Amino acid sequence: MVFAAIDIGSNAGRLLIASVHETEDNPITEKITLVRVPLRLGFDVFNEGYVSQQKQEMLIRTFKAYKQLMSIYQPKDCIACATEALRQATNGLEVIEKVKKETGIDILSINGDKEAEIITKAGNTNLTKTHDHSLYIDVGGGSTEISWFEKDKLLATRSFEIGTIRLFLDKVEHSEWDKMKHWVEELQKDKLPINCICSGGNINKLTKLYGNRNKNTLSYSQLVESHEILEGYPIEYRIETLGLRADRADVIVPAAIIFKKIMKWGNINELHAPKIGLADGLIVELYKKYKKQPSLLD
């Protein structure tokens, strides 16, 4: 069965078309195609408070292109979700209505807690966990979602207004850092051995460049080193020599800072980056809904 999910984040828009295979335990997703467009809505919203006309036109063109691709693959169902940038934009609802009028596609605006829960459900489909407790971390352009699990039971989740674009633009309040630090330290006050499972394009790239590419892991010391190396390079060097996309080269250092702080506060020695994200979780939820199972989309 084929499903499609659109994730409109603060840095990029993503269309994931994937097939879902049924197993005895859990559904397993397999990517057919992933199309990423550097919309960068967060640079408008976190600076000016709204989505500019230029970005609106780019968003509509992106949705029209996504619609054409979906007409080829014919998914059983599809969903489009918007996260922090459109949540915060003063004209977010207006933009959503405009997209629907131009393309016929509804955009569901979800809050940070819902985003975190959907992402972690994606991870639960195909991850082997060594320890009973797991910390899921998703760092986006506008916010960071952190969820705490015992086995597969969600115990707590929290969204913080700390993201790579916000940090790059110096738009993160000191009090928000304090909230995150206190929350993570409180979770890990007993210093339990945990699975640290991270998502987002930046952590995938950091792991590929400086971590264990076979296991998709990155140690704290490797993260510290990668941050120091990348921070020492100008953005142009990161693009030309390291091969980073322009919309990755500027925000990868803020991402490293966020992950580094969380690992330090949580006494975490190693993280795992299994290349999952909101779109993957949405595919799983669409499958559940299609099979008439309890879904976070209901």
C-alpha atoms as a PDB file:
ATOM      1  CA  MET A   1       0.000   0.000   0.000  1.00  0.00           C
ATOM      2  CA  VAL A   2       1.290   3.441  -0.950  1.00  0.00           C
ATOM      3  CA  PHE A   3       0.706   6.633   1.067  1.00  0.00           C
ATOM      4  CA  ALA A   4       1.913  10.232   0.733  1.00  0.00           C
ATOM      5  CA  ALA A   5       2.778  12.793   3.410  1.00  0.00           C
ATOM      6  CA  ILE A   6       3.737  16.452   3.085  1.00  0.00           C
ATOM      7  CA  ASP A   7       5.671  18.120   5.906  1.00  0.00           C
ATOM      8  CA  ILE A   8       5.883  21.921   5.711  1.00  0.00           C
ATOM      9  CA  GLY A   9       8.609  22.816   8.185  1.00  0.00           C
ATOM     10  CA  SER A  10      10.345  26.060   9.046  1.00  0.00           C
ATOM     11  CA  ASN A  11      13.314  25.326   6.786  1.00  0.00           C
ATOM     12  CA  ALA A  12      11.929  23.082   4.052  1.00  0.00           C
ATOM     13  CA  GLY A  13       8.926  21.341   2.599  1.00  0.00           C
ATOM     14  CA  ARG A  14       9.050  17.574   2.083  1.00  0.00           C
ATOM     15  CA  LEU A  15       6.873  15.199   0.134  1.00  0.00           C
ATOM     16  CA  LEU A  16       7.378  11.567   1.119  1.00  0.00           C
ATOM     17  CA  ILE A  17       5.726   8.838  -0.911  1.00  0.00           C
ATOM     18  CA  ALA A  18       6.217   5.471   0.750  1.00  0.00           C
ATOM     19  CA  SER A  19       4.889   1.958   0.759  1.00  0.00           C
ATOM     20  CA  VAL A  20       3.851   0.220   3.969  1.00  0.00           C
ATOM     21  CA  HIS A  21       4.457  -3.498   4.479  1.00  0.00           C
ATOM     22  CA  GLU A  22       2.586  -5.440   7.126  1.00  0.00           C
ATOM     23  CA  THR A  23       4.566  -7.668   9.506  1.00  0.00           C
ATOM     24  CA  GLU A  24       3.603  -9.754  12.519  1.00  0.00           C
ATOM     25  CA  ASP A  25       4.680  -6.992  14.890  1.00  0.00           C
ATOM     26  CA  ASN A  26       4.534  -3.544  13.288  1.00  0.00           C
ATOM     27  CA  PRO A  27       4.059  -1.896   9.906  1.00  0.00           C
ATOM     28  CA  ILE A  28       7.335  -1.190   8.106  1.00  0.00           C
ATOM     29  CA  THR A  29       7.651   1.788   5.776  1.00  0.00           C
ATOM     30  CA  GLU A  30       9.801   1.867   2.652  1.00  0.00           C
ATOM     31  CA  LYS A  31      10.560   5.147   0.901  1.00  0.00           C
ATOM     32  CA  ILE A  32       9.583   5.346  -2.770  1.00  0.00           C
ATOM     33  CA  THR A  33      10.538   8.979  -3.282  1.00  0.00           C
ATOM     34  CA  LEU A  34      11.319  12.030  -1.158  1.00  0.00           C
ATOM     35  CA  VAL A  35      11.205  15.519  -2.653  1.00  0.00           C
ATOM     36  CA  ARG A  36      12.588  18.353  -0.514  1.00  0.00           C
ATOM     37  CA  VAL A  37      12.128  22.039  -1.358  1.00  0.00           C
ATOM     38  CA  PRO A  38      14.029  24.752   0.605  1.00  0.00           C
ATOM     39  CA  LEU A  39      11.031  26.992   1.349  1.00  0.00           C
ATOM     40  CA  ARG A  40      12.679  28.582   4.422  1.00  0.00           C
ATOM     41  CA  LEU A  41       9.428  30.007   5.773  1.00  0.00           C
ATOM     42  CA  GLY A  42      11.071  30.483   9.153  1.00  0.00           C
ATOM     43  CA  PHE A  43      13.289  33.287   7.868  1.00  0.00           C
ATOM     44  CA  ASP A  44      10.120  35.283   7.150  1.00  0.00           C
ATOM     45  CA  VAL A  45       8.148  34.303  10.219  1.00  0.00           C
ATOM     46  CA  PHE A  46      10.820  34.540  12.919  1.00  0.00           C
ATOM     47  CA  ASN A  47      12.064  37.885  11.537  1.00  0.00           C
ATOM     48  CA  GLU A  48       8.864  39.613  10.420  1.00  0.00           C
ATOM     49  CA  GLY A  49       6.076  37.535  11.965  1.00  0.00           C
ATOM     50  CA  TYR A  50       4.354  36.584   8.706  1.00  0.00           C
ATOM     51  CA  VAL A  51       4.849  34.694   5.421  1.00  0.00           C
ATOM     52  CA  SER A  52       5.767  37.085   2.615  1.00  0.00           C
ATOM     53  CA  GLN A  53       4.001  37.152  -0.746  1.00  0.00           C
ATOM     54  CA  GLN A  54       7.094  35.708  -2.425  1.00  0.00           C
ATOM     55  CA  LYS A  55       7.178  32.737  -0.047  1.00  0.00           C
ATOM     56  CA  GLN A  56       3.447  32.192  -0.467  1.00  0.00           C
ATOM     57  CA  GLU A  57       3.870  31.920  -4.227  1.00  0.00           C
ATOM     58  CA  MET A  58       6.781  29.501  -3.762  1.00  0.00           C
ATOM     59  CA  LEU A  59       4.676  27.403  -1.381  1.00  0.00           C
ATOM     60  CA  ILE A  60       1.808  27.199  -3.867  1.00  0.00           C
ATOM     61  CA  ARG A  61       4.149  26.207  -6.713  1.00  0.00           C
ATOM     62  CA  THR A  62       5.620  23.526  -4.451  1.00  0.00           C
ATOM     63  CA  PHE A  63       2.191  22.090  -3.651  1.00  0.00           C
ATOM     64  CA  LYS A  64       1.247  22.055  -7.315  1.00  0.00           C
ATOM     65  CA  ALA A  65       4.419  20.091  -8.087  1.00  0.00           C
ATOM     66  CA  TYR A  66       3.703  17.697  -5.218  1.00  0.00           C
ATOM     67  CA  LYS A  67       0.175  17.203  -6.518  1.00  0.00           C
ATOM     68  CA  GLN A  68       1.534  16.228  -9.950  1.00  0.00           C
ATOM     69  CA  LEU A  69       3.856  13.654  -8.395  1.00  0.00           C
ATOM     70  CA  MET A  70       1.055  12.184  -6.322  1.00  0.00           C
ATOM     71  CA  SER A  71      -1.085  11.833  -9.453  1.00  0.00           C
ATOM     72  CA  ILE A  72       1.633   9.548 -10.836  1.00  0.00           C
ATOM     73  CA  TYR A  73       2.073   7.333  -7.751  1.00  0.00           C
ATOM     74  CA  GLN A  74      -1.633   7.255  -6.838  1.00  0.00           C
ATOM     75  CA  PRO A  75      -1.340   6.885  -3.043  1.00  0.00           C
ATOM     76  CA  LYS A  76      -4.237   5.357  -1.093  1.00  0.00           C
ATOM     77  CA  ASP A  77      -4.335   8.481   1.057  1.00  0.00           C
ATOM     78  CA  CYS A  78      -2.307  11.632   1.635  1.00  0.00           C
ATOM     79  CA  ILE A  79      -1.931  14.299   4.296  1.00  0.00           C
ATOM     80  CA  ALA A  80      -0.180  17.672   4.547  1.00  0.00           C
ATOM     81  CA  CYS A  81       0.944  19.091   7.894  1.00  0.00           C
ATOM     82  CA  ALA A  82       2.494  22.418   8.853  1.00  0.00           C
ATOM     83  CA  THR A  83       4.681  22.929  11.900  1.00  0.00           C
ATOM     84  CA  GLU A  84       6.283  25.839  13.765  1.00  0.00           C
ATOM     85  CA  ALA A  85       6.611  28.534  11.072  1.00  0.00           C
ATOM     86  CA  LEU A  86       3.012  28.407   9.853  1.00  0.00           C
ATOM     87  CA  ARG A  87       1.824  27.908  13.460  1.00  0.00           C
ATOM     88  CA  GLN A  88       3.490  31.182  14.452  1.00  0.00           C
ATOM     89  CA  ALA A  89       2.786  33.246  11.319  1.00  0.00           C
ATOM     90  CA  THR A  90       0.178  35.971  11.806  1.00  0.00           C
ATOM     91  CA  ASN A  91      -1.166  35.128   8.340  1.00  0.00           C
ATOM     92  CA  GLY A  92      -0.777  31.350   8.729  1.00  0.00           C
ATOM     93  CA  LEU A  93      -4.499  30.569   8.393  1.00  0.00           C
ATOM     94  CA  GLU A  94      -4.739  32.860   5.366  1.00  0.00           C
ATOM     95  CA  VAL A  95      -1.822  31.066   3.710  1.00  0.00           C
ATOM     96  CA  ILE A  96      -3.362  27.654   4.421  1.00  0.00           C
ATOM     97  CA  GLU A  97      -6.644  28.756   2.838  1.00  0.00           C
ATOM     98  CA  LYS A  98      -4.788  30.136  -0.175  1.00  0.00           C
ATOM     99  CA  VAL A  99      -2.998  26.830  -0.745  1.00  0.00           C
ATOM    100  CA  LYS A 100      -6.284  24.934  -0.503  1.00  0.00           C
ATOM    101  CA  LYS A 101      -7.963  27.279  -2.995  1.00  0.00           C
ATOM    102  CA  GLU A 102      -5.092  27.010  -5.502  1.00  0.00           C
ATOM    103  CA  THR A 103      -4.335  23.287  -5.172  1.00  0.00           C
ATOM    104  CA  GLY A 104      -7.237  21.623  -3.389  1.00  0.00           C
ATOM    105  CA  ILE A 105      -4.887  20.297  -0.690  1.00  0.00           C
ATOM    106  CA  ASP A 106      -5.809  20.818   2.967  1.00  0.00           C
ATOM    107  CA  ILE A 107      -2.962  21.653   5.359  1.00  0.00           C
ATOM    108  CA  LEU A 108      -3.336  20.534   8.961  1.00  0.00           C
ATOM    109  CA  SER A 109      -1.483  22.752  11.425  1.00  0.00           C
ATOM    110  CA  ILE A 110      -0.213  20.621  14.320  1.00  0.00           C
ATOM    111  CA  ASN A 111       1.264  21.715  17.632  1.00  0.00           C
ATOM    112  CA  GLY A 112       4.671  20.709  18.930  1.00  0.00           C
ATOM    113  CA  ASP A 113       3.422  17.949  21.217  1.00  0.00           C
ATOM    114  CA  LYS A 114       1.454  16.311  18.405  1.00  0.00           C
ATOM    115  CA  GLU A 115       4.467  16.630  16.105  1.00  0.00           C
ATOM    116  CA  ALA A 116       6.692  14.896  18.653  1.00  0.00           C
ATOM    117  CA  GLU A 117       4.221  12.066  19.182  1.00  0.00           C
ATOM    118  CA  ILE A 118       3.847  11.412  15.448  1.00  0.00           C
ATOM    119  CA  ILE A 119       7.614  11.359  14.905  1.00  0.00           C
ATOM    120  CA  THR A 120       8.181   8.893  17.729  1.00  0.00           C
ATOM    121  CA  LYS A 121       5.534   6.581  16.316  1.00  0.00           C
ATOM    122  CA  ALA A 122       7.591   6.444  13.122  1.00  0.00           C
ATOM    123  CA  GLY A 123      10.602   5.360  15.125  1.00  0.00           C
ATOM    124  CA  ASN A 124       8.682   2.662  16.918  1.00  0.00           C
ATOM    125  CA  THR A 125       8.056   0.785  13.664  1.00  0.00           C
ATOM    126  CA  ASN A 126      11.572  -0.436  12.937  1.00  0.00           C
ATOM    127  CA  LEU A 127      14.062   0.516  15.672  1.00  0.00           C
ATOM    128  CA  THR A 128      15.882  -1.915  17.935  1.00  0.00           C
ATOM    129  CA  LYS A 129      16.320  -0.383  21.369  1.00  0.00           C
ATOM    130  CA  THR A 130      19.036  -1.582  23.753  1.00  0.00           C
ATOM    131  CA  HIS A 131      17.682   0.080  26.901  1.00  0.00           C
ATOM    132  CA  ASP A 132      14.222   0.367  28.466  1.00  0.00           C
ATOM    133  CA  HIS A 133      14.190   4.176  28.410  1.00  0.00           C
ATOM    134  CA  SER A 134      14.379   6.283  25.252  1.00  0.00           C
ATOM    135  CA  LEU A 135      14.756   9.992  24.590  1.00  0.00           C
ATOM    136  CA  TYR A 136      13.508  11.116  21.174  1.00  0.00           C
ATOM    137  CA  ILE A 137      14.836  14.462  19.960  1.00  0.00           C
ATOM    138  CA  ASP A 138      13.644  16.253  16.840  1.00  0.00           C
ATOM    139  CA  VAL A 139      15.376  19.535  16.021  1.00  0.00           C
ATOM    140  CA  GLY A 140      13.655  21.631  13.386  1.00  0.00           C
ATOM    141  CA  GLY A 141      14.067  25.153  12.119  1.00  0.00           C
ATOM    142  CA  GLY A 142      11.611  26.673  14.571  1.00  0.00           C
ATOM    143  CA  SER A 143      11.297  24.276  17.486  1.00  0.00           C
ATOM    144  CA  THR A 144      12.754  21.256  19.223  1.00  0.00           C
ATOM    145  CA  GLU A 145      10.525  18.406  20.347  1.00  0.00           C
ATOM    146  CA  ILE A 146      11.725  16.015  23.054  1.00  0.00           C
ATOM    147  CA  SER A 147       9.838  12.884  24.139  1.00  0.00           C
ATOM    148  CA  TRP A 148      10.552  10.453  26.975  1.00  0.00           C
ATOM    149  CA  PHE A 149       9.603   6.782  26.737  1.00  0.00           C
ATOM    150  CA  GLU A 150       9.748   3.756  29.013  1.00  0.00           C
ATOM    151  CA  LYS A 151       9.803   0.818  26.613  1.00  0.00           C
ATOM    152  CA  ASP A 152       7.148   1.870  24.094  1.00  0.00           C
ATOM    153  CA  LYS A 153       5.050   3.885  26.532  1.00  0.00           C
ATOM    154  CA  LEU A 154       5.166   7.667  26.157  1.00  0.00           C
ATOM    155  CA  LEU A 155       5.729   9.203  29.590  1.00  0.00           C
ATOM    156  CA  ALA A 156       6.288  12.849  28.698  1.00  0.00           C
ATOM    157  CA  THR A 157       6.764  15.133  25.710  1.00  0.00           C
ATOM    158  CA  ARG A 158       7.656  18.806  25.423  1.00  0.00           C
ATOM    159  CA  SER A 159       8.131  21.303  22.619  1.00  0.00           C
ATOM    160  CA  PHE A 160      10.565  24.220  22.989  1.00  0.00           C
ATOM    161  CA  GLU A 161      10.811  27.350  20.849  1.00  0.00           C
ATOM    162  CA  ILE A 162      14.430  26.555  20.082  1.00  0.00           C
ATOM    163  CA  GLY A 163      15.233  25.758  16.465  1.00  0.00           C
ATOM    164  CA  THR A 164      18.083  26.088  14.013  1.00  0.00           C
ATOM    165  CA  ILE A 165      16.671  29.118  12.172  1.00  0.00           C
ATOM    166  CA  ARG A 166      15.640  30.814  15.416  1.00  0.00           C
ATOM    167  CA  LEU A 167      19.149  30.305  16.784  1.00  0.00           C
ATOM    168  CA  PHE A 168      20.801  31.445  13.548  1.00  0.00           C
ATOM    169  CA  LEU A 169      18.715  34.640  13.689  1.00  0.00           C
ATOM    170  CA  ASP A 170      19.416  35.077  17.431  1.00  0.00           C
ATOM    171  CA  LYS A 171      15.701  34.730  18.205  1.00  0.00           C
ATOM    172  CA  VAL A 172      15.934  32.183  21.047  1.00  0.00           C
ATOM    173  CA  GLU A 173      15.062  33.528  24.503  1.00  0.00           C
ATOM    174  CA  HIS A 174      17.470  32.664  27.309  1.00  0.00           C
ATOM    175  CA  SER A 175      14.494  31.580  29.412  1.00  0.00           C
ATOM    176  CA  GLU A 176      13.640  28.937  26.788  1.00  0.00           C
ATOM    177  CA  TRP A 177      17.124  27.421  27.162  1.00  0.00           C
ATOM    178  CA  ASP A 178      16.587  27.362  30.932  1.00  0.00           C
ATOM    179  CA  LYS A 179      13.265  25.530  30.498  1.00  0.00           C
ATOM    180  CA  MET A 180      14.842  22.910  28.252  1.00  0.00           C
ATOM    181  CA  LYS A 181      17.839  22.419  30.554  1.00  0.00           C
ATOM    182  CA  HIS A 182      15.653  21.979  33.643  1.00  0.00           C
ATOM    183  CA  TRP A 183      13.293  19.567  31.854  1.00  0.00           C
ATOM    184  CA  VAL A 184      16.057  17.338  30.445  1.00  0.00           C
ATOM    185  CA  GLU A 185      18.003  17.278  33.723  1.00  0.00           C
ATOM    186  CA  GLU A 186      14.855  16.368  35.632  1.00  0.00           C
ATOM    187  CA  LEU A 187      14.131  13.488  33.228  1.00  0.00           C
ATOM    188  CA  GLN A 188      17.635  12.157  33.687  1.00  0.00           C
ATOM    189  CA  LYS A 189      18.099  12.842  37.399  1.00  0.00           C
ATOM    190  CA  ASP A 190      18.712   9.109  37.962  1.00  0.00           C
ATOM    191  CA  LYS A 191      21.255   9.014  35.082  1.00  0.00           C
ATOM    192  CA  LEU A 192      19.650   5.972  33.489  1.00  0.00           C
ATOM    193  CA  PRO A 193      21.162   4.265  30.438  1.00  0.00           C
ATOM    194  CA  ILE A 194      18.954   5.410  27.567  1.00  0.00           C
ATOM    195  CA  ASN A 195      18.434   5.130  23.844  1.00  0.00           C
ATOM    196  CA  CYS A 196      18.878   8.607  22.360  1.00  0.00           C
ATOM    197  CA  ILE A 197      17.046   8.674  19.025  1.00  0.00           C
ATOM    198  CA  CYS A 198      17.314  11.838  16.947  1.00  0.00           C
ATOM    199  CA  SER A 199      15.635  13.103  13.805  1.00  0.00           C
ATOM    200  CA  GLY A 200      16.042  15.960  11.375  1.00  0.00           C
ATOM    201  CA  GLY A 201      18.172  16.588   8.327  1.00  0.00           C
ATOM    202  CA  ASN A 202      20.974  18.256  10.274  1.00  0.00           C
ATOM    203  CA  ILE A 203      21.648  15.370  12.630  1.00  0.00           C
ATOM    204  CA  ASN A 204      21.573  12.963   9.690  1.00  0.00           C
ATOM    205  CA  LYS A 205      24.229  15.057   7.947  1.00  0.00           C
ATOM    206  CA  LEU A 206      26.350  15.446  11.094  1.00  0.00           C
ATOM    207  CA  THR A 207      26.261  11.683  11.618  1.00  0.00           C
ATOM    208  CA  LYS A 208      27.174  11.040   7.985  1.00  0.00           C
ATOM    209  CA  LEU A 209      30.121  13.463   8.097  1.00  0.00           C
ATOM    210  CA  TYR A 210      31.544  12.776  11.553  1.00  0.00           C
ATOM    211  CA  GLY A 211      29.871   9.718  13.083  1.00  0.00           C
ATOM    212  CA  ASN A 212      29.607   6.010  12.404  1.00  0.00           C
ATOM    213  CA  ARG A 213      27.949   5.812   8.983  1.00  0.00           C
ATOM    214  CA  ASN A 214      27.319   2.077   9.230  1.00  0.00           C
ATOM    215  CA  LYS A 215      25.438   2.297  12.529  1.00  0.00           C
ATOM    216  CA  ASN A 216      24.090   5.851  12.079  1.00  0.00           C
ATOM    217  CA  THR A 217      25.477   6.816  15.477  1.00  0.00           C
ATOM    218  CA  LEU A 218      27.289   9.910  16.728  1.00  0.00           C
ATOM    219  CA  SER A 219      29.104  10.096  20.057  1.00  0.00           C
ATOM    220  CA  TYR A 220      29.156  13.190  22.243  1.00  0.00           C
ATOM    221  CA  SER A 221      32.871  13.674  21.618  1.00  0.00           C
ATOM    222  CA  GLN A 222      32.321  13.394  17.848  1.00  0.00           C
ATOM    223  CA  LEU A 223      29.523  15.959  18.065  1.00  0.00           C
ATOM    224  CA  VAL A 224      31.725  18.376  20.016  1.00  0.00           C
ATOM    225  CA  GLU A 225      34.501  17.951  17.452  1.00  0.00           C
ATOM    226  CA  SER A 226      32.138  18.380  14.489  1.00  0.00           C
ATOM    227  CA  HIS A 227      30.752  21.578  15.992  1.00  0.00           C
ATOM    228  CA  GLU A 228      34.240  23.026  16.449  1.00  0.00           C
ATOM    229  CA  ILE A 229      35.269  22.089  12.899  1.00  0.00           C
ATOM    230  CA  LEU A 230      32.131  23.405  11.179  1.00  0.00           C
ATOM    231  CA  GLU A 231      32.013  26.603  13.224  1.00  0.00           C
ATOM    232  CA  GLY A 232      35.553  27.350  12.064  1.00  0.00           C
ATOM    233  CA  TYR A 233      34.548  27.216   8.386  1.00  0.00           C
ATOM    234  CA  PRO A 234      32.696  30.033   6.592  1.00  0.00           C
ATOM    235  CA  ILE A 235      29.363  29.085   5.053  1.00  0.00           C
ATOM    236  CA  GLU A 236      30.825  29.234   1.537  1.00  0.00           C
ATOM    237  CA  TYR A 237      33.465  26.647   2.470  1.00  0.00           C
ATOM    238  CA  ARG A 238      30.821  24.331   3.920  1.00  0.00           C
ATOM    239  CA  ILE A 239      28.986  24.514   0.589  1.00  0.00           C
ATOM    240  CA  GLU A 240      31.923  24.269  -1.822  1.00  0.00           C
ATOM    241  CA  THR A 241      34.191  21.843   0.046  1.00  0.00           C
ATOM    242  CA  LEU A 242      31.863  19.777   2.252  1.00  0.00           C
ATOM    243  CA  GLY A 243      29.106  19.649  -0.347  1.00  0.00           C
ATOM    244  CA  LEU A 244      26.381  20.982   1.941  1.00  0.00           C
ATOM    245  CA  ARG A 245      23.296  22.560   0.410  1.00  0.00           C
ATOM    246  CA  ALA A 246      23.028  26.300   0.971  1.00  0.00           C
ATOM    247  CA  ASP A 247      19.964  25.815   3.167  1.00  0.00           C
ATOM    248  CA  ARG A 248      21.858  23.285   5.285  1.00  0.00           C
ATOM    249  CA  ALA A 249      25.227  25.036   5.491  1.00  0.00           C
ATOM    250  CA  ASP A 250      23.963  27.954   7.586  1.00  0.00           C
ATOM    251  CA  VAL A 251      21.816  26.017  10.083  1.00  0.00           C
ATOM    252  CA  ILE A 252      23.963  22.923  10.702  1.00  0.00           C
ATOM    253  CA  VAL A 253      26.068  24.712  13.326  1.00  0.00           C
ATOM    254  CA  PRO A 254      23.030  25.876  15.345  1.00  0.00           C
ATOM    255  CA  ALA A 255      21.755  22.279  15.126  1.00  0.00           C
ATOM    256  CA  ALA A 256      25.036  20.965  16.539  1.00  0.00           C
ATOM    257  CA  ILE A 257      24.771  23.453  19.428  1.00  0.00           C
ATOM    258  CA  ILE A 258      21.233  22.305  20.292  1.00  0.00           C
ATOM    259  CA  PHE A 259      22.066  18.591  20.200  1.00  0.00           C
ATOM    260  CA  LYS A 260      25.276  19.166  22.149  1.00  0.00           C
ATOM    261  CA  LYS A 261      23.464  20.959  24.971  1.00  0.00           C
ATOM    262  CA  ILE A 262      20.771  18.281  25.235  1.00  0.00           C
ATOM    263  CA  MET A 263      23.353  15.479  25.307  1.00  0.00           C
ATOM    264  CA  LYS A 264      25.326  17.262  28.016  1.00  0.00           C
ATOM    265  CA  TRP A 265      22.260  17.985  30.172  1.00  0.00           C
ATOM    266  CA  GLY A 266      20.971  14.445  29.697  1.00  0.00           C
ATOM    267  CA  ASN A 267      24.312  12.759  30.403  1.00  0.00           C
ATOM    268  CA  ILE A 268      24.111  11.099  26.961  1.00  0.00           C
ATOM    269  CA  ASN A 269      27.246   9.571  25.446  1.00  0.00           C
ATOM    270  CA  GLU A 270      25.869   8.526  22.058  1.00  0.00           C
ATOM    271  CA  LEU A 271      22.900   9.289  19.831  1.00  0.00           C
ATOM    272  CA  HIS A 272      21.311   7.294  17.041  1.00  0.00           C
ATOM    273  CA  ALA A 273      20.061   8.992  13.856  1.00  0.00           C
ATOM    274  CA  PRO A 274      17.895   6.463  11.984  1.00  0.00           C
ATOM    275  CA  LYS A 275      16.769   8.977   9.324  1.00  0.00           C
ATOM    276  CA  ILE A 276      13.177   9.336  10.466  1.00  0.00           C
ATOM    277  CA  GLY A 277      11.036  12.449  10.567  1.00  0.00           C
ATOM    278  CA  LEU A 278       7.531  13.826  10.711  1.00  0.00           C
ATOM    279  CA  ALA A 279       6.689  12.615   7.188  1.00  0.00           C
ATOM    280  CA  ASP A 280       7.625   9.040   8.154  1.00  0.00           C
ATOM    281  CA  GLY A 281       5.345   9.205  11.174  1.00  0.00           C
ATOM    282  CA  LEU A 282       2.519  10.608   9.072  1.00  0.00           C
ATOM    283  CA  ILE A 283       2.825   7.659   6.669  1.00  0.00           C
ATOM    284  CA  VAL A 284       2.414   5.243   9.597  1.00  0.00           C
ATOM    285  CA  GLU A 285      -0.616   7.162  10.900  1.00  0.00           C
ATOM    286  CA  LEU A 286      -2.231   7.173   7.451  1.00  0.00           C
ATOM    287  CA  TYR A 287      -1.755   3.412   7.297  1.00  0.00           C
ATOM    288  CA  LYS A 288      -3.410   2.975  10.703  1.00  0.00           C
ATOM    289  CA  LYS A 289      -6.303   5.185   9.671  1.00  0.00           C
ATOM    290  CA  TYR A 290      -6.736   3.230   6.426  1.00  0.00           C
ATOM    291  CA  LYS A 291      -6.767  -0.032   8.408  1.00  0.00           C
ATOM    292  CA  LYS A 292      -9.277   1.524  10.828  1.00  0.00           C
ATOM    293  CA  GLN A 293      -6.855   1.335  13.721  1.00  0.00           C
ATOM    294  CA  PRO A 294      -6.427   4.059  16.415  1.00  0.00           C
ATOM    295  CA  SER A 295      -4.516   6.897  14.784  1.00  0.00           C
ATOM    296  CA  LEU A 296      -3.158  10.238  15.986  1.00  0.00           C
ATOM    297  CA  LEU A 297      -4.790  11.775  12.909  1.00  0.00           C
ATOM    298  CA  ASP A 298      -8.324  10.961  14.061  1.00  0.00           C
END
